[in-house]
Protein backbone atom coordinates (compact mmCIF):
# COMPACT_ATOMS: atom_id res chain seq x y z
CA MET A 1 74.20 118.76 100.71
CA SER A 2 77.50 118.73 102.36
CA ASN A 3 80.81 118.56 100.18
CA THR A 4 80.85 114.96 100.26
CA LEU A 5 77.88 112.56 99.06
CA ASP A 6 79.02 109.49 101.70
CA GLY A 7 75.83 108.02 102.90
CA LYS A 8 73.35 111.06 101.27
CA VAL A 9 70.36 109.41 100.05
CA VAL A 10 69.38 110.25 96.07
CA LEU A 11 66.37 109.17 94.10
CA VAL A 12 67.27 109.45 90.19
CA THR A 13 64.56 109.53 87.67
CA GLY A 14 64.42 108.01 83.67
CA ALA A 15 67.64 105.94 85.31
CA SER A 16 66.93 102.84 83.03
CA SER A 17 69.53 104.65 80.32
CA GLY A 18 71.55 107.27 79.06
CA ILE A 19 72.25 110.32 81.81
CA GLY A 20 70.23 109.36 84.21
CA GLN A 21 72.04 105.46 84.43
CA ALA A 22 75.18 107.35 84.65
CA THR A 23 74.49 109.76 86.89
CA ALA A 24 72.93 107.07 89.49
CA LEU A 25 76.19 104.94 88.43
CA ALA A 26 78.21 108.07 89.18
CA LEU A 27 76.69 108.64 92.61
CA SER A 28 77.01 105.15 93.82
CA LYS A 29 80.60 105.54 93.30
CA ALA A 30 80.65 108.55 94.77
CA GLY A 31 78.85 107.20 98.28
CA ALA A 32 75.98 107.95 97.66
CA ARG A 33 72.79 105.29 98.48
CA VAL A 34 70.39 105.74 95.59
CA ALA A 35 67.43 105.01 94.57
CA VAL A 36 66.57 104.49 90.69
CA GLY A 37 63.63 104.87 89.18
CA ALA A 38 62.00 104.06 85.93
CA ARG A 39 59.24 102.56 83.98
CA ARG A 40 61.91 99.87 82.62
CA ALA A 41 62.59 98.37 85.85
CA ASP A 42 64.17 95.22 84.68
CA ARG A 43 66.99 97.39 82.90
CA LEU A 44 67.43 98.94 86.66
CA LYS A 45 67.92 95.48 88.18
CA SER A 46 71.33 95.54 85.70
CA LEU A 47 72.51 98.99 86.53
CA ALA A 48 72.17 98.07 90.49
CA GLN A 49 74.20 94.87 89.77
CA ASP A 50 77.13 97.13 87.90
CA ALA A 51 76.79 99.92 91.15
CA PRO A 52 79.61 99.45 93.69
CA GLY A 53 77.16 100.90 96.55
CA GLU A 54 73.29 100.07 97.41
CA ILE A 55 71.20 100.57 94.96
CA LEU A 56 67.15 100.71 95.47
CA VAL A 57 65.18 99.47 92.38
CA LEU A 58 61.70 101.12 91.96
CA GLU A 59 58.92 100.98 89.41
CA LEU A 60 58.22 104.47 88.54
CA ASP A 61 56.27 105.89 85.81
CA VAL A 62 56.66 109.83 86.42
CA THR A 63 53.61 110.51 84.60
CA ASP A 64 51.40 109.20 87.62
CA ARG A 65 51.16 110.96 90.62
CA GLU A 66 50.23 108.07 92.97
CA SER A 67 53.50 105.91 91.67
CA VAL A 68 55.46 109.25 92.22
CA GLN A 69 54.09 109.27 95.41
CA ASP A 70 54.94 105.51 96.19
CA ALA A 71 58.50 105.67 94.75
CA VAL A 72 59.23 108.73 96.75
CA THR A 73 57.69 106.88 100.15
CA ALA A 74 59.41 103.66 99.41
CA ALA A 75 62.84 105.85 99.05
CA VAL A 76 62.41 107.15 102.78
CA GLU A 77 61.17 104.45 104.04
CA HIS A 78 63.74 102.13 102.81
CA PHE A 79 66.88 104.62 103.41
CA GLY A 80 65.38 106.53 106.09
CA ALA A 81 66.06 109.77 104.36
CA LEU A 82 66.33 111.88 100.92
CA ASP A 83 68.74 114.10 100.43
CA ALA A 84 68.83 115.06 96.56
CA LEU A 85 66.32 114.47 93.70
CA VAL A 86 67.71 114.07 90.13
CA ASN A 87 64.81 114.70 88.04
CA ASN A 88 66.11 113.21 84.54
CA ALA A 89 63.24 111.49 83.21
CA GLY A 90 62.41 112.46 80.00
CA VAL A 91 61.18 112.13 76.32
CA MET A 92 62.09 113.75 72.61
CA LEU A 93 59.76 113.52 70.41
CA SER A 94 60.43 116.45 67.69
CA GLY A 95 58.48 116.53 64.56
CA PRO A 96 57.10 119.88 62.78
CA ILE A 97 53.72 121.68 64.47
CA LEU A 98 51.47 121.80 61.41
CA ASN A 99 49.97 117.92 61.03
CA ALA A 100 51.68 116.92 64.20
CA ASP A 101 50.34 113.82 66.53
CA THR A 102 49.19 115.86 69.30
CA ALA A 103 49.33 112.63 71.25
CA GLU A 104 52.89 113.23 71.29
CA TRP A 105 52.62 116.58 72.58
CA THR A 106 50.57 115.28 75.32
CA ARG A 107 53.48 112.78 76.32
CA MET A 108 56.34 115.17 76.30
CA ILE A 109 54.18 117.60 78.72
CA ASP A 110 52.99 114.89 81.37
CA THR A 111 56.74 113.29 81.52
CA ASN A 112 59.08 116.15 80.69
CA LEU A 113 57.46 118.98 82.55
CA LEU A 114 54.30 117.87 84.59
CA GLY A 115 56.28 114.68 85.33
CA SER A 116 59.22 116.51 86.97
CA MET A 117 57.09 118.96 89.01
CA TYR A 118 55.39 115.95 90.41
CA THR A 119 58.27 114.17 91.58
CA ALA A 120 59.64 117.65 92.92
CA HIS A 121 56.21 118.23 94.72
CA ALA A 122 56.15 114.34 96.52
CA ALA A 123 60.09 115.31 97.29
CA LEU A 124 60.02 118.71 98.61
CA PRO A 125 58.89 117.58 102.36
CA HIS A 126 61.72 115.66 103.04
CA LEU A 127 64.21 117.74 101.20
CA LEU A 128 63.01 120.35 103.40
CA GLU A 129 63.95 118.13 106.41
CA SER A 130 67.04 117.24 104.90
CA ARG A 131 68.38 120.82 103.65
CA GLY A 132 68.89 119.06 100.31
CA ALA A 133 68.63 119.52 96.58
CA VAL A 134 66.56 119.44 93.41
CA VAL A 135 68.86 118.50 90.16
CA GLN A 136 66.32 119.18 86.71
CA ILE A 137 68.06 117.68 83.82
CA SER A 138 66.84 120.36 80.93
CA SER A 139 68.14 121.14 78.15
CA THR A 140 70.02 123.72 75.63
CA ALA A 141 66.14 123.52 74.06
CA GLY A 142 65.24 125.34 77.69
CA ARG A 143 66.96 128.11 76.14
CA THR A 144 66.59 128.31 72.33
CA ALA A 145 63.63 126.51 70.80
CA PRO A 146 64.40 124.56 67.26
CA ALA A 147 61.94 124.75 64.72
CA GLY A 148 61.19 121.28 64.59
CA GLY A 149 61.91 120.53 68.64
CA GLY A 150 58.69 123.36 69.75
CA VAL A 151 56.72 121.51 72.21
CA TYR A 152 59.78 119.41 73.86
CA ALA A 153 61.37 122.99 73.89
CA ALA A 154 58.33 124.33 75.53
CA THR A 155 58.81 121.40 78.13
CA LYS A 156 61.65 122.23 78.83
CA PHE A 157 61.48 126.21 79.22
CA GLY A 158 58.82 125.02 81.68
CA ILE A 159 61.40 123.57 84.12
CA THR A 160 63.42 126.17 84.17
CA ALA A 161 60.31 128.71 85.01
CA PHE A 162 59.37 126.15 87.62
CA SER A 163 62.78 125.23 88.92
CA GLU A 164 63.22 129.32 89.40
CA ALA A 165 60.24 129.85 90.80
CA LEU A 166 61.13 126.76 93.35
CA ARG A 167 64.28 127.90 94.22
CA GLN A 168 62.77 131.30 95.37
CA LYS A 169 60.66 129.47 97.50
CA VAL A 170 62.94 126.93 99.20
CA THR A 171 66.73 128.79 99.36
CA ALA A 172 66.06 130.66 102.75
CA GLN A 173 65.42 126.77 103.94
CA GLY A 174 68.36 125.96 102.71
CA VAL A 175 67.28 123.48 99.99
CA ARG A 176 69.36 124.16 96.58
CA VAL A 177 67.83 124.03 93.50
CA ILE A 178 69.96 123.12 90.02
CA VAL A 179 69.42 123.32 86.58
CA ILE A 180 71.54 121.34 84.31
CA GLU A 181 71.08 122.28 80.34
CA PRO A 182 73.18 119.60 78.27
CA GLY A 183 73.55 119.93 74.72
CA MET A 184 73.83 117.28 72.22
CA VAL A 185 73.91 113.84 74.20
CA ALA A 186 74.98 110.73 72.72
CA THR A 187 71.99 108.99 74.31
CA GLU A 188 68.83 107.20 72.85
CA LEU A 189 66.95 110.07 73.21
CA ALA A 190 66.40 111.14 69.44
CA THR A 191 65.33 106.67 68.57
CA HIS A 192 61.81 108.00 70.19
CA ILE A 193 61.05 110.49 67.37
CA THR A 194 58.99 108.90 64.96
CA ASP A 195 58.93 111.89 62.36
CA PRO A 196 61.04 109.71 59.99
CA ALA A 197 62.46 113.64 58.68
CA MET A 198 63.39 114.67 61.39
CA GLN A 199 65.01 111.48 63.01
CA ALA A 200 67.18 111.10 59.90
CA LEU A 201 68.21 115.29 61.02
CA ALA A 202 68.39 114.56 64.76
CA LYS A 203 70.75 111.84 63.20
CA SER A 204 72.89 114.19 61.16
CA TYR A 205 73.24 116.51 62.92
CA ALA A 206 74.59 114.51 65.85
CA ASP A 207 77.13 112.53 63.14
CA SER A 208 78.21 116.61 62.43
CA MET A 209 80.01 117.02 65.81
CA ARG A 210 81.98 115.20 69.09
CA THR A 211 78.90 114.73 71.25
CA LEU A 212 78.90 114.78 74.79
CA GLN A 213 78.42 111.26 76.66
CA SER A 214 76.46 110.98 79.20
CA PRO A 215 79.30 111.00 82.12
CA ASP A 216 79.93 114.13 81.17
CA ILE A 217 76.08 115.06 82.34
CA ALA A 218 77.05 113.06 85.80
CA ASP A 219 80.47 114.82 86.16
CA ALA A 220 78.13 118.10 86.50
CA VAL A 221 75.48 116.88 88.68
CA LEU A 222 78.50 115.98 91.31
CA TYR A 223 79.89 118.81 91.16
CA ALA A 224 76.94 120.70 92.00
CA LEU A 225 75.85 118.46 94.64
CA THR A 226 79.15 118.06 96.50
CA GLN A 227 79.50 122.11 96.65
CA PRO A 228 79.90 123.46 99.89
CA GLU A 229 76.34 124.07 101.26
CA HIS A 230 76.94 128.22 101.10
CA VAL A 231 77.65 127.58 97.73
CA ALA A 232 74.18 127.22 95.29
CA VAL A 233 74.81 126.42 92.02
CA ASN A 234 71.76 127.36 89.97
CA GLU A 235 72.62 126.65 86.54
CA ILE A 236 75.26 124.53 84.35
CA LEU A 237 74.83 125.11 80.64
CA ILE A 238 77.25 122.28 78.97
CA ARG A 239 77.73 121.90 75.15
CA PRO A 240 79.59 120.14 73.09
CA THR A 241 83.10 122.56 71.53
CA ASP A 242 81.50 121.66 68.06
CA GLN A 243 77.77 122.55 69.14
CA THR A 244 76.98 126.39 67.53
CA ARG A 245 73.75 126.68 68.82
């Protein structure tokens, strides 16, 4: 990727809200042609109406390998190339390990970790061709595992490990791999938590600080993607000033 996004093709997963939505809008404003994928395709249509540039709406379930492959193929067929992937789709179902509903563990691993791996795998042949970039949206939980978020953190630690292996494999071929680790961001992510005590704790924690906003993370994505080709920003850790851990 060059230091301009004019005409570049970017696929953003989990674009129906939060960081994904803000990133898709920021990319469009920067001149990119953007394919947006999520399960809630109705929300993507309103996003497409708000964006200044061309947006391709794709119904995408990252836990389904066929759905992922179909979305990547559709983006490439529509735009003729793929220059960057922003792997953002994710769920956070925090809770204690004792007496946990392990179906929630499966959902997090399938979405956060396997989903990002499936999407990177499907996009990689096209990114090698374009000498493009993979942006992995991780978390501060990918560095420090909180007691109530062991499995969520495990998925984010996994993203970091997978991303580093991928970076070592493709960097000599001109593909940049970027891991972005946000701290507390004001999104609907915490509302997915089903454990009442954990949801209350998450709300209290967020209320204790000036949280990041989704456009703050979108700005970090744009910064990394618009560096000159010889510059690889491999990792960005971004916390609210008030966040202590």
